[in-house]
C-alpha atoms as a PDB file:
ATOM      1  CA  MET A   1     -61.549  28.785  10.247  1.00  0.00           C
ATOM      2  CA  THR A   2     -59.853  31.211  12.584  1.00  0.00           C
ATOM      3  CA  ASP A   3     -60.660  31.855  16.248  1.00  0.00           C
ATOM      4  CA  LYS A   4     -60.321  35.355  17.675  1.00  0.00           C
ATOM      5  CA  ASN A   5     -57.858  34.466  20.476  1.00  0.00           C
ATOM      6  CA  THR A   6     -55.871  31.703  18.708  1.00  0.00           C
ATOM      7  CA  GLU A   7     -55.161  31.119  15.141  1.00  0.00           C
ATOM      8  CA  THR A   8     -55.965  27.559  14.131  1.00  0.00           C
ATOM      9  CA  GLU A   9     -55.510  26.298  10.631  1.00  0.00           C
ATOM     10  CA  TYR A  10     -57.198  23.205   9.324  1.00  0.00           C
ATOM     11  CA  TYR A  11     -55.870  20.924   6.629  1.00  0.00           C
ATOM     12  CA  THR A  12     -58.200  20.828   3.675  1.00  0.00           C
ATOM     13  CA  GLY A  13     -56.139  18.916   1.107  1.00  0.00           C
ATOM     14  CA  ALA A  14     -56.092  15.265   0.031  1.00  0.00           C
ATOM     15  CA  ALA A  15     -56.103  12.758   2.899  1.00  0.00           C
ATOM     16  CA  ASN A  16     -53.104  10.794   1.556  1.00  0.00           C
ATOM     17  CA  LEU A  17     -50.977  13.949   1.701  1.00  0.00           C
ATOM     18  CA  SER A  18     -52.082  15.055   5.144  1.00  0.00           C
ATOM     19  CA  PRO A  19     -49.379  15.710   7.746  1.00  0.00           C
ATOM     20  CA  ILE A  20     -51.723  14.340  10.412  1.00  0.00           C
ATOM     21  CA  PRO A  21     -53.936  11.232  10.486  1.00  0.00           C
ATOM     22  CA  MET A  22     -57.341  12.019   8.939  1.00  0.00           C
ATOM     23  CA  SER A  23     -59.142   8.850  10.005  1.00  0.00           C
ATOM     24  CA  VAL A  24     -58.868   5.944  12.418  1.00  0.00           C
ATOM     25  CA  SER A  25     -57.507   3.691   9.661  1.00  0.00           C
ATOM     26  CA  SER A  26     -54.737   6.148   8.726  1.00  0.00           C
ATOM     27  CA  PRO A  27     -51.185   4.949   9.382  1.00  0.00           C
ATOM     28  CA  VAL A  28     -49.680   6.171  12.599  1.00  0.00           C
ATOM     29  CA  ILE A  29     -47.430   9.150  12.069  1.00  0.00           C
ATOM     30  CA  ARG A  30     -44.715   9.337  14.652  1.00  0.00           C
ATOM     31  CA  PRO A  31     -42.276  12.193  14.893  1.00  0.00           C
ATOM     32  CA  GLU A  32     -38.754  11.264  13.805  1.00  0.00           C
ATOM     33  CA  ASP A  33     -36.036  11.144  16.440  1.00  0.00           C
ATOM     34  CA  LYS A  34     -33.592  13.623  14.897  1.00  0.00           C
ATOM     35  CA  ASN A  35     -30.871  12.803  17.437  1.00  0.00           C
ATOM     36  CA  LYS A  36     -31.057   9.114  16.487  1.00  0.00           C
ATOM     37  CA  ILE A  37     -30.880   9.991  12.787  1.00  0.00           C
ATOM     38  CA  LYS A  38     -27.834  12.183  13.398  1.00  0.00           C
ATOM     39  CA  ALA A  39     -26.156   9.540  15.581  1.00  0.00           C
ATOM     40  CA  ASN A  40     -26.685   6.856  12.907  1.00  0.00           C
ATOM     41  CA  ALA A  41     -25.338   9.160  10.194  1.00  0.00           C
ATOM     42  CA  VAL A  42     -22.258  10.052  12.248  1.00  0.00           C
ATOM     43  CA  GLU A  43     -21.630   6.379  13.054  1.00  0.00           C
ATOM     44  CA  ALA A  44     -21.892   5.402   9.376  1.00  0.00           C
ATOM     45  CA  MET A  45     -19.641   8.306   8.401  1.00  0.00           C
ATOM     46  CA  HIS A  46     -16.950   7.232  10.882  1.00  0.00           C
ATOM     47  CA  HIS A  47     -17.222   3.587   9.812  1.00  0.00           C
ATOM     48  CA  TYR A  48     -16.673   4.324   6.122  1.00  0.00           C
ATOM     49  CA  ALA A  49     -14.036   6.991   6.788  1.00  0.00           C
ATOM     50  CA  ASN A  50     -12.071   4.532   8.950  1.00  0.00           C
ATOM     51  CA  GLN A  51     -12.288   1.922   6.177  1.00  0.00           C
ATOM     52  CA  GLU A  52     -10.887   4.411   3.673  1.00  0.00           C
ATOM     53  CA  ILE A  53      -8.165   5.512   6.113  1.00  0.00           C
ATOM     54  CA  ALA A  54      -7.127   1.882   6.688  1.00  0.00           C
ATOM     55  CA  LEU A  55      -6.934   1.313   2.922  1.00  0.00           C
ATOM     56  CA  LEU A  56      -4.848   4.454   2.429  1.00  0.00           C
ATOM     57  CA  LYS A  57      -2.517   3.388   5.256  1.00  0.00           C
ATOM     58  CA  LYS A  58      -1.984   0.020   3.534  1.00  0.00           C
ATOM     59  CA  GLN A  59      -1.213   1.811   0.277  1.00  0.00           C
ATOM     60  CA  ALA A  60       1.193   4.171   2.062  1.00  0.00           C
ATOM     61  CA  ASP A  61       2.952   1.212   3.721  1.00  0.00           C
ATOM     62  CA  LEU A  62       3.296  -0.455   0.320  1.00  0.00           C
ATOM     63  CA  ILE A  63       4.753   2.707  -1.202  1.00  0.00           C
ATOM     64  CA  VAL A  64       7.226   3.094   1.680  1.00  0.00           C
ATOM     65  CA  SER A  65       8.228  -0.549   1.249  1.00  0.00           C
ATOM     66  CA  GLN A  66       8.776  -0.036  -2.475  1.00  0.00           C
ATOM     67  CA  VAL A  67      10.863   3.085  -1.809  1.00  0.00           C
ATOM     68  CA  ARG A  68      13.057   1.137   0.625  1.00  0.00           C
ATOM     69  CA  GLU A  69      13.544  -1.649  -1.938  1.00  0.00           C
ATOM     70  CA  ILE A  70      14.594   0.859  -4.588  1.00  0.00           C
ATOM     71  CA  GLU A  71      16.984   2.586  -2.174  1.00  0.00           C
ATOM     72  CA  ALA A  72      18.538  -0.780  -1.243  1.00  0.00           C
ATOM     73  CA  ARG A  73      18.855  -1.713  -4.926  1.00  0.00           C
ATOM     74  CA  LEU A  74      20.498   1.645  -5.616  1.00  0.00           C
ATOM     75  CA  LYS A  75      23.002   1.149  -2.779  1.00  0.00           C
ATOM     76  CA  ILE A  76      23.846  -2.370  -3.965  1.00  0.00           C
ATOM     77  CA  SER A  77      24.162  -1.167  -7.550  1.00  0.00           C
ATOM     78  CA  GLU A  78      26.624   1.543  -6.539  1.00  0.00           C
ATOM     79  CA  GLN A  79      28.732  -1.043  -4.690  1.00  0.00           C
ATOM     80  CA  ILE A  80      28.720  -3.336  -7.709  1.00  0.00           C
ATOM     81  CA  TYR A  81      29.743  -0.560 -10.094  1.00  0.00           C
ATOM     82  CA  GLN A  82      32.634   0.274  -7.761  1.00  0.00           C
ATOM     83  CA  SER A  83      33.754  -3.372  -7.905  1.00  0.00           C
ATOM     84  CA  ASP A  84      36.277  -4.868 -10.288  1.00  0.00           C
ATOM     85  CA  LEU A  85      34.419  -5.330 -13.609  1.00  0.00           C
ATOM     86  CA  LYS A  86      36.548  -7.028 -16.260  1.00  0.00           C
ATOM     87  CA  PHE A  87      33.674  -7.449 -18.725  1.00  0.00           C
ATOM     88  CA  THR A  88      30.516  -5.650 -19.840  1.00  0.00           C
ATOM     89  CA  PRO A  89      27.505  -7.099 -17.992  1.00  0.00           C
ATOM     90  CA  THR A  90      24.434  -8.109 -20.001  1.00  0.00           C
ATOM     91  CA  ILE A  91      20.882  -7.236 -18.962  1.00  0.00           C
ATOM     92  CA  ASN A  92      18.924 -10.119 -17.336  1.00  0.00           C
ATOM     93  CA  GLN A  93      22.114 -12.126 -16.845  1.00  0.00           C
ATOM     94  CA  ILE A  94      22.907 -13.489 -13.394  1.00  0.00           C
ATOM     95  CA  TYR A  95      26.367 -12.755 -12.003  1.00  0.00           C
ATOM     96  CA  HIS A  96      28.105 -13.632  -8.763  1.00  0.00           C
ATOM     97  CA  LEU A  97      29.811 -11.211  -6.442  1.00  0.00           C
ATOM     98  CA  TYR A  98      32.877 -12.120  -4.400  1.00  0.00           C
ATOM     99  CA  GLU A  99      34.747 -10.142  -1.763  1.00  0.00           C
ATOM    100  CA  LYS A 100      38.492 -10.219  -1.198  1.00  0.00           C
ATOM    101  CA  ASP A 101      40.361  -7.760   1.005  1.00  0.00           C
ATOM    102  CA  GLU A 102      37.282  -5.490   1.214  1.00  0.00           C
ATOM    103  CA  TYR A 103      37.078  -5.236  -2.587  1.00  0.00           C
ATOM    104  CA  TYR A 104      34.263  -6.721  -4.625  1.00  0.00           C
ATOM    105  CA  LYS A 105      34.672  -8.632  -7.849  1.00  0.00           C
ATOM    106  CA  LEU A 106      31.875  -9.581 -10.230  1.00  0.00           C
ATOM    107  CA  SER A 107      32.142 -12.999 -11.868  1.00  0.00           C
ATOM    108  CA  LEU A 108      30.217 -15.166 -14.307  1.00  0.00           C
ATOM    109  CA  ILE A 109      31.181 -18.236 -12.255  1.00  0.00           C
ATOM    110  CA  GLY A 110      28.856 -19.209  -9.417  1.00  0.00           C
ATOM    111  CA  PRO A 111      30.004 -20.424  -6.008  1.00  0.00           C
ATOM    112  CA  THR A 112      29.315 -24.097  -6.903  1.00  0.00           C
ATOM    113  CA  GLU A 113      30.828 -23.921 -10.405  1.00  0.00           C
ATOM    114  CA  TRP A 114      34.515 -23.457  -9.576  1.00  0.00           C
ATOM    115  CA  GLY A 115      35.466 -27.122  -9.767  1.00  0.00           C
ATOM    116  CA  ARG A 116      39.063 -27.759  -8.657  1.00  0.00           C
ATOM    117  CA  SER A 117      40.130 -24.121  -8.817  1.00  0.00           C
ATOM    118  CA  LYS A 118      39.399 -21.828  -5.919  1.00  0.00           C
ATOM    119  CA  PRO A 119      37.118 -18.788  -6.097  1.00  0.00           C
ATOM    120  CA  THR A 120      38.741 -15.386  -6.241  1.00  0.00           C
ATOM    121  CA  GLY A 121      37.309 -14.450  -2.860  1.00  0.00           C
ATOM    122  CA  LYS A 122      34.487 -15.043  -0.440  1.00  0.00           C
ATOM    123  CA  TYR A 123      31.061 -15.461  -2.089  1.00  0.00           C
ATOM    124  CA  VAL A 124      28.762 -12.558  -1.162  1.00  0.00           C
ATOM    125  CA  ALA A 125      25.725 -12.653  -3.462  1.00  0.00           C
ATOM    126  CA  SER A 126      24.235 -13.555  -6.806  1.00  0.00           C
ATOM    127  CA  VAL A 127      22.889 -10.551  -8.661  1.00  0.00           C
ATOM    128  CA  LYS A 128      20.980  -9.844 -11.847  1.00  0.00           C
ATOM    129  CA  LEU A 129      21.377  -6.774 -14.047  1.00  0.00           C
ATOM    130  CA  LEU A 130      18.001  -5.107 -14.654  1.00  0.00           C
ATOM    131  CA  GLY A 131      16.944  -3.034 -17.653  1.00  0.00           C
ATOM    132  CA  ASP A 132      17.499   0.242 -15.818  1.00  0.00           C
ATOM    133  CA  HIS A 133      21.101  -0.891 -15.115  1.00  0.00           C
ATOM    134  CA  SER A 134      20.431  -1.353 -11.432  1.00  0.00           C
ATOM    135  CA  TRP A 135      21.156  -4.702  -9.819  1.00  0.00           C
ATOM    136  CA  ASP A 136      18.692  -7.032  -8.114  1.00  0.00           C
ATOM    137  CA  VAL A 137      20.026  -9.391  -5.433  1.00  0.00           C
ATOM    138  CA  ILE A 138      18.886 -12.930  -6.264  1.00  0.00           C
ATOM    139  CA  ASN A 139      20.688 -14.720  -3.438  1.00  0.00           C
ATOM    140  CA  LYS A 140      23.070 -13.572  -0.746  1.00  0.00           C
ATOM    141  CA  VAL A 141      25.005 -14.940   2.179  1.00  0.00           C
ATOM    142  CA  GLU A 142      23.016 -14.495   5.403  1.00  0.00           C
ATOM    143  CA  ASN A 143      25.577 -12.562   7.442  1.00  0.00           C
ATOM    144  CA  SER A 144      26.673 -10.450   4.511  1.00  0.00           C
ATOM    145  CA  THR A 145      26.720  -6.670   4.950  1.00  0.00           C
ATOM    146  CA  PHE A 146      25.982  -6.397   1.276  1.00  0.00           C
END
């Protein structure tokens, strides 16, 4: 039904689909607070984004740590290959590095295995040859620059 001065439309469909209450027993329909909905969505978005950012930062820190370990292993490996090698090292074998007069020497004999004879220099570190022919430091003297 339409009035001359104002247009008024009436709902004529099923009561359960009505946008307004059709009877006293109808559930109360309250308008949604759109600002509250937006605020909750933004808060949830920030919460989950911050969780993901924290996880990515942990992963980045791990990667940086791994890069530093590889760089240190590379530096150590270069020093070992510049040392006096009188034999061909075997992969996964542990060797011992000694320093004498600023030169390094790789030995099969550990610092506690010399017996009565004296080591050929100051013990620096125990190292292990890895499959990629880089060296992993197993044990080293605390104040060593190695």
